[in-house]
Amino acid sequence: MASFYRELQKERRIRYERGFERGVRERRPGGGRIGSLRTPTEKLFFILFYYKCYPTFDVLGLLFDLDRSNACRNVQKLTLIAENVLEKKMVLPERKISTVEELLELFPDVKDLFIDGTERPIQRPKDRTKQKANYSGKKKAHTRKNILIADKNRRIGYLSPPAEGKKHDFGMFKDLFPPGVFPKSITLWLDLGFTGVGRDYPAATVMMPKKKPKGGVLTDAEKARNKAISGFRVLVEHAIGGLKRFGIATAKCRNKDGQFNDRVMAISCGLWNYHLKVC
């Protein structure tokens, strides 16, 4: 709460100085009409409620005594403040990993990493080309996809930029990570959506279930091994479940700004990481 209050004060001061320099503002921060969100506590509750429940701006305005446009403006403004707070708390996921050094700095002393993709439904695009690109055959819906990396404590340390729902998990993986980024000392726990990682990343240690051969069956030993791998790899599903406690990361996306939609996914990961850190 104290960190959120400090960021609010900083944002007010910056807006005042910017307006004063342009000659469009004389009143100091705190002057003028007091809005419906009177205190920092109310503003923090407002933005957390939006992320948790993801109501429409009409409903949000009704609940907090705001018109829909003012509700939208408050969401935009408080989202940036929340992002700054989470960044200073060092709980936001990294968005790019290019070298082994960056990986080890993000996941120090880690022996196991859990990697998976997650999809978020979006509104059906009007453009036919975009419809095809964003249609996920797995989800039978139009989606945007992210790859995330979690550790055994379910902390989401990495969240990829979003991609079209049609794109395959392994195809995204190859575009995101150069071949030498994963050292042999770290085991990557993956599902069958990443088949081919062991071939294209020979320096990596990969644990993945064995796929049933076409027209054949798995032996009892192979089934037992698959069950053991899935039982350990489920930690990444728990991390994704933590992210999707927030309705804004689960419900069909209604916001039109792609940059804002990417930001809210990262903030939702940060809120989940902060929950793990303090609880």
Protein backbone atom coordinates (compact mmCIF):
# COMPACT_ATOMS: atom_id res chain seq x y z
CA MET A 1 0.00 0.00 0.00
CA ALA A 2 2.83 2.43 0.85
CA SER A 3 4.52 1.72 -2.51
CA PHE A 4 1.27 2.35 -4.37
CA TYR A 5 0.78 5.64 -2.52
CA ARG A 6 4.31 6.79 -3.40
CA GLU A 7 3.75 6.00 -7.07
CA LEU A 8 0.46 7.92 -7.01
CA GLN A 9 2.21 10.96 -5.56
CA LYS A 10 4.98 10.69 -8.14
CA GLU A 11 2.46 10.44 -11.00
CA ARG A 12 0.59 13.52 -9.73
CA ARG A 13 3.81 15.52 -9.54
CA ILE A 14 4.86 14.52 -13.05
CA ARG A 15 1.45 15.46 -14.47
CA TYR A 16 1.60 18.83 -12.71
CA GLU A 17 5.12 19.63 -13.94
CA ARG A 18 4.27 18.56 -17.48
CA GLY A 19 1.11 20.68 -17.52
CA PHE A 20 2.89 23.65 -15.95
CA GLU A 21 5.65 23.55 -18.59
CA ARG A 22 3.06 23.58 -21.39
CA GLY A 23 1.24 26.47 -19.73
CA VAL A 24 -2.06 24.61 -19.39
CA ARG A 25 -2.02 24.15 -15.63
CA GLU A 26 -1.53 26.39 -12.61
CA ARG A 27 -3.26 24.46 -9.81
CA ARG A 28 -0.94 22.36 -7.69
CA PRO A 29 -1.46 18.61 -7.12
CA GLY A 30 -4.38 17.99 -4.74
CA GLY A 31 -6.33 21.08 -5.76
CA GLY A 32 -9.74 21.11 -7.42
CA ARG A 33 -12.69 18.77 -7.24
CA ILE A 34 -12.17 15.48 -5.41
CA GLY A 35 -13.13 12.53 -7.56
CA SER A 36 -15.16 9.46 -6.65
CA LEU A 37 -11.98 7.51 -5.93
CA ARG A 38 -10.95 9.65 -2.98
CA THR A 39 -8.14 7.74 -1.29
CA PRO A 40 -5.17 5.62 -2.45
CA THR A 41 -6.87 2.62 -0.84
CA GLU A 42 -9.96 3.10 -3.00
CA LYS A 43 -7.81 3.48 -6.11
CA LEU A 44 -5.85 0.33 -5.32
CA PHE A 45 -9.07 -1.60 -4.71
CA PHE A 46 -10.51 -0.21 -7.97
CA ILE A 47 -7.67 -1.47 -10.17
CA LEU A 48 -7.36 -4.83 -8.38
CA PHE A 49 -11.13 -5.33 -8.69
CA TYR A 50 -10.91 -4.63 -12.42
CA TYR A 51 -8.12 -7.17 -12.90
CA LYS A 52 -9.83 -9.80 -10.77
CA CYS A 53 -13.38 -9.53 -12.14
CA TYR A 54 -12.82 -7.79 -15.51
CA PRO A 55 -16.21 -6.03 -15.66
CA THR A 56 -17.24 -3.80 -18.55
CA PHE A 57 -16.59 -0.09 -18.06
CA ASP A 58 -20.36 0.46 -17.71
CA VAL A 59 -20.53 -1.97 -14.78
CA LEU A 60 -17.28 -0.68 -13.31
CA GLY A 61 -18.57 2.89 -13.44
CA LEU A 62 -21.85 1.88 -11.83
CA LEU A 63 -20.06 0.17 -8.94
CA PHE A 64 -17.66 3.05 -8.28
CA ASP A 65 -19.96 5.98 -9.15
CA LEU A 66 -18.13 6.94 -12.35
CA ASP A 67 -19.21 7.38 -15.94
CA ARG A 68 -17.82 4.76 -18.33
CA SER A 69 -15.24 7.10 -19.93
CA ASN A 70 -13.90 8.14 -16.52
CA ALA A 71 -13.73 4.47 -15.49
CA CYS A 72 -11.69 3.76 -18.63
CA ARG A 73 -9.30 6.65 -17.94
CA ASN A 74 -8.78 5.50 -14.36
CA VAL A 75 -8.01 1.95 -15.52
CA GLN A 76 -5.45 3.23 -18.02
CA LYS A 77 -3.78 5.52 -15.46
CA LEU A 78 -3.79 3.10 -12.51
CA THR A 79 -2.54 0.22 -14.68
CA LEU A 80 0.68 2.15 -15.33
CA ILE A 81 1.05 2.90 -11.62
CA ALA A 82 0.47 -0.75 -10.69
CA GLU A 83 3.07 -1.81 -13.27
CA ASN A 84 5.63 0.59 -11.79
CA VAL A 85 4.97 -0.73 -8.27
CA LEU A 86 5.35 -4.37 -9.34
CA GLU A 87 8.51 -3.57 -11.28
CA LYS A 88 10.08 -2.02 -8.18
CA LYS A 89 9.02 -5.07 -6.17
CA MET A 90 10.92 -7.16 -8.77
CA VAL A 91 8.00 -9.50 -9.43
CA LEU A 92 7.22 -8.71 -13.07
CA PRO A 93 8.26 -11.46 -15.52
CA GLU A 94 11.13 -10.89 -17.93
CA ARG A 95 10.04 -10.41 -21.55
CA LYS A 96 13.21 -11.43 -23.40
CA ILE A 97 15.98 -13.99 -22.83
CA SER A 98 18.80 -14.07 -25.38
CA THR A 99 21.82 -15.52 -23.56
CA VAL A 100 22.69 -18.11 -20.92
CA GLU A 101 23.82 -15.27 -18.62
CA GLU A 102 20.38 -13.61 -18.81
CA LEU A 103 18.69 -16.94 -18.08
CA LEU A 104 20.89 -17.67 -15.03
CA GLU A 105 20.41 -14.13 -13.73
CA LEU A 106 16.64 -14.57 -13.96
CA PHE A 107 16.65 -18.09 -12.50
CA PRO A 108 19.70 -18.30 -10.18
CA ASP A 109 20.54 -21.71 -8.67
CA VAL A 110 17.66 -23.38 -10.51
CA LYS A 111 17.97 -26.98 -11.71
CA ASP A 112 14.50 -27.36 -13.28
CA LEU A 113 12.48 -25.03 -15.50
CA PHE A 114 8.88 -25.63 -16.52
CA ILE A 115 7.78 -24.29 -19.92
CA ASP A 116 4.30 -24.18 -21.42
CA GLY A 117 2.02 -22.08 -23.57
CA THR A 118 -1.20 -20.41 -22.52
CA GLU A 119 -3.95 -18.93 -24.69
CA ARG A 120 -6.33 -16.06 -24.02
CA PRO A 121 -9.54 -15.75 -26.09
CA ILE A 122 -10.05 -12.58 -28.12
CA GLN A 123 -12.93 -11.16 -30.10
CA ARG A 124 -13.27 -12.54 -33.61
CA PRO A 125 -11.35 -10.22 -35.97
CA LYS A 126 -13.33 -8.73 -38.87
CA ASP A 127 -10.47 -9.18 -41.32
CA ARG A 128 -10.49 -12.68 -42.83
CA THR A 129 -6.69 -12.97 -42.86
CA LYS A 130 -6.51 -12.08 -39.18
CA GLN A 131 -9.30 -14.56 -38.47
CA LYS A 132 -7.23 -17.40 -39.90
CA ALA A 133 -4.04 -16.27 -38.17
CA ASN A 134 -5.66 -16.00 -34.74
CA TYR A 135 -7.85 -19.12 -34.88
CA SER A 136 -6.62 -21.82 -32.50
CA GLY A 137 -7.62 -25.32 -33.58
CA LYS A 138 -6.84 -26.56 -30.08
CA LYS A 139 -9.20 -24.11 -28.35
CA LYS A 140 -11.67 -23.85 -31.26
CA ALA A 141 -11.63 -20.08 -30.80
CA HIS A 142 -9.70 -16.97 -31.77
CA THR A 143 -6.89 -16.50 -29.27
CA ARG A 144 -3.56 -14.85 -28.51
CA LYS A 145 -0.82 -17.12 -27.18
CA ASN A 146 2.06 -16.62 -24.74
CA ILE A 147 4.91 -18.92 -23.73
CA LEU A 148 5.88 -18.77 -20.07
CA ILE A 149 8.67 -20.22 -17.96
CA ALA A 150 8.16 -21.03 -14.28
CA ASP A 151 10.33 -22.52 -11.54
CA LYS A 152 9.41 -25.23 -9.03
CA ASN A 153 7.97 -22.57 -6.69
CA ARG A 154 5.43 -21.72 -9.44
CA ARG A 155 6.95 -18.26 -9.93
CA ILE A 156 6.52 -17.04 -13.51
CA GLY A 157 9.93 -15.64 -14.41
CA TYR A 158 9.40 -15.20 -18.13
CA LEU A 159 6.41 -14.25 -20.29
CA SER A 160 6.81 -14.06 -24.04
CA PRO A 161 5.32 -11.38 -26.26
CA PRO A 162 1.92 -12.51 -27.59
CA ALA A 163 1.54 -14.41 -30.86
CA GLU A 164 -1.40 -15.48 -33.01
CA GLY A 165 -3.39 -18.43 -31.66
CA LYS A 166 -2.67 -20.47 -34.80
CA LYS A 167 1.05 -20.56 -34.08
CA HIS A 168 2.41 -23.82 -32.68
CA ASP A 169 4.10 -23.91 -29.26
CA PHE A 170 7.37 -25.26 -30.66
CA GLY A 171 7.34 -22.73 -33.50
CA MET A 172 7.06 -19.92 -30.95
CA PHE A 173 9.78 -21.52 -28.82
CA LYS A 174 12.27 -21.54 -31.72
CA ASP A 175 11.51 -17.92 -32.56
CA LEU A 176 12.01 -16.82 -28.95
CA PHE A 177 15.13 -18.67 -27.82
CA PRO A 178 18.46 -19.16 -29.64
CA PRO A 179 19.82 -22.74 -29.54
CA GLY A 180 22.54 -22.14 -26.93
CA VAL A 181 20.46 -20.32 -24.33
CA PHE A 182 19.67 -23.38 -22.17
CA PRO A 183 22.67 -25.00 -20.43
CA LYS A 184 22.96 -28.74 -19.79
CA SER A 185 22.78 -28.16 -16.03
CA ILE A 186 19.11 -27.06 -16.22
CA THR A 187 16.39 -29.59 -17.05
CA LEU A 188 13.53 -28.34 -19.23
CA TRP A 189 10.17 -29.93 -18.43
CA LEU A 190 7.89 -29.77 -21.48
CA ASP A 191 4.76 -31.35 -22.92
CA LEU A 192 4.34 -32.89 -26.37
CA GLY A 193 3.52 -29.51 -27.87
CA PHE A 194 7.29 -28.89 -27.84
CA THR A 195 8.28 -32.08 -29.66
CA GLY A 196 11.53 -31.36 -31.47
CA VAL A 197 13.25 -29.35 -28.73
CA GLY A 198 15.65 -32.21 -27.99
CA ARG A 199 16.67 -32.34 -31.66
CA ASP A 200 17.04 -28.60 -32.27
CA TYR A 201 18.54 -27.80 -28.85
CA PRO A 202 21.19 -30.54 -28.40
CA ALA A 203 22.89 -28.66 -25.53
CA ALA A 204 19.69 -28.69 -23.43
CA THR A 205 18.50 -31.40 -21.02
CA VAL A 206 14.87 -32.13 -21.92
CA MET A 207 12.27 -34.15 -20.04
CA MET A 208 9.15 -34.82 -22.09
CA PRO A 209 6.52 -37.59 -22.20
CA LYS A 210 6.93 -40.19 -24.93
CA LYS A 211 4.38 -39.92 -27.70
CA LYS A 212 2.40 -43.02 -28.56
CA PRO A 213 3.62 -44.33 -31.94
CA LYS A 214 1.13 -44.22 -34.80
CA GLY A 215 -0.79 -47.49 -34.82
CA GLY A 216 1.15 -48.74 -31.80
CA VAL A 217 0.94 -48.69 -28.01
CA LEU A 218 3.18 -47.60 -25.16
CA THR A 219 4.70 -50.18 -22.86
CA ASP A 220 3.85 -50.21 -19.16
CA ALA A 221 7.28 -48.80 -18.37
CA GLU A 222 6.78 -45.94 -20.85
CA LYS A 223 3.33 -45.20 -19.40
CA ALA A 224 4.77 -45.11 -15.89
CA ARG A 225 7.54 -42.76 -17.02
CA ASN A 226 5.03 -40.47 -18.74
CA LYS A 227 2.93 -40.36 -15.59
CA ALA A 228 5.95 -39.47 -13.45
CA ILE A 229 6.99 -36.68 -15.85
CA SER A 230 3.45 -35.26 -16.00
CA GLY A 231 3.15 -35.42 -12.22
CA PHE A 232 6.24 -33.24 -11.81
CA ARG A 233 5.55 -30.99 -14.80
CA VAL A 234 2.12 -30.09 -13.38
CA LEU A 235 3.84 -27.27 -11.47
CA VAL A 236 3.71 -25.13 -14.61
CA GLU A 237 -0.04 -25.76 -14.80
CA HIS A 238 -0.31 -24.49 -11.23
CA ALA A 239 1.60 -21.36 -12.25
CA ILE A 240 -0.77 -20.80 -15.18
CA GLY A 241 -3.70 -21.42 -12.82
CA GLY A 242 -2.33 -18.71 -10.53
CA LEU A 243 -2.11 -16.29 -13.46
CA LYS A 244 -5.68 -17.14 -14.46
CA ARG A 245 -7.06 -16.34 -11.05
CA PHE A 246 -7.43 -12.92 -12.62
CA GLY A 247 -10.47 -12.63 -14.85
CA ILE A 248 -8.68 -10.22 -17.18
CA ALA A 249 -6.25 -13.02 -18.12
CA THR A 250 -9.01 -15.60 -18.61
CA ALA A 251 -12.11 -13.92 -20.08
CA LYS A 252 -12.43 -12.96 -23.74
CA CYS A 253 -10.37 -9.84 -24.31
CA ARG A 254 -12.52 -6.76 -25.03
CA ASN A 255 -9.82 -4.06 -25.11
CA LYS A 256 -8.77 -2.89 -28.56
CA ASP A 257 -5.25 -1.73 -27.68
CA GLY A 258 -2.83 -4.63 -28.23
CA GLN A 259 -0.09 -2.98 -26.16
CA PHE A 260 -2.47 -2.61 -23.22
CA ASN A 261 -3.57 -6.24 -23.53
CA ASP A 262 0.05 -7.41 -23.45
CA ARG A 263 0.71 -5.18 -20.42
CA VAL A 264 -2.19 -6.62 -18.41
CA MET A 265 -0.93 -10.17 -18.96
CA ALA A 266 2.48 -9.19 -17.57
CA ILE A 267 0.86 -7.38 -14.63
CA SER A 268 -1.31 -10.42 -13.87
CA CYS A 269 1.86 -12.54 -13.75
CA GLY A 270 3.42 -9.93 -11.46
CA LEU A 271 0.43 -9.98 -9.12
CA TRP A 272 0.65 -13.78 -8.91
CA ASN A 273 4.40 -13.62 -8.23
CA TYR A 274 3.80 -10.98 -5.55
CA HIS A 275 1.21 -13.25 -3.94
CA LEU A 276 3.77 -16.08 -3.81
CA LYS A 277 6.39 -13.73 -2.41
CA VAL A 278 4.37 -12.31 0.50
CA CYS A 279 2.01 -15.19 1.36
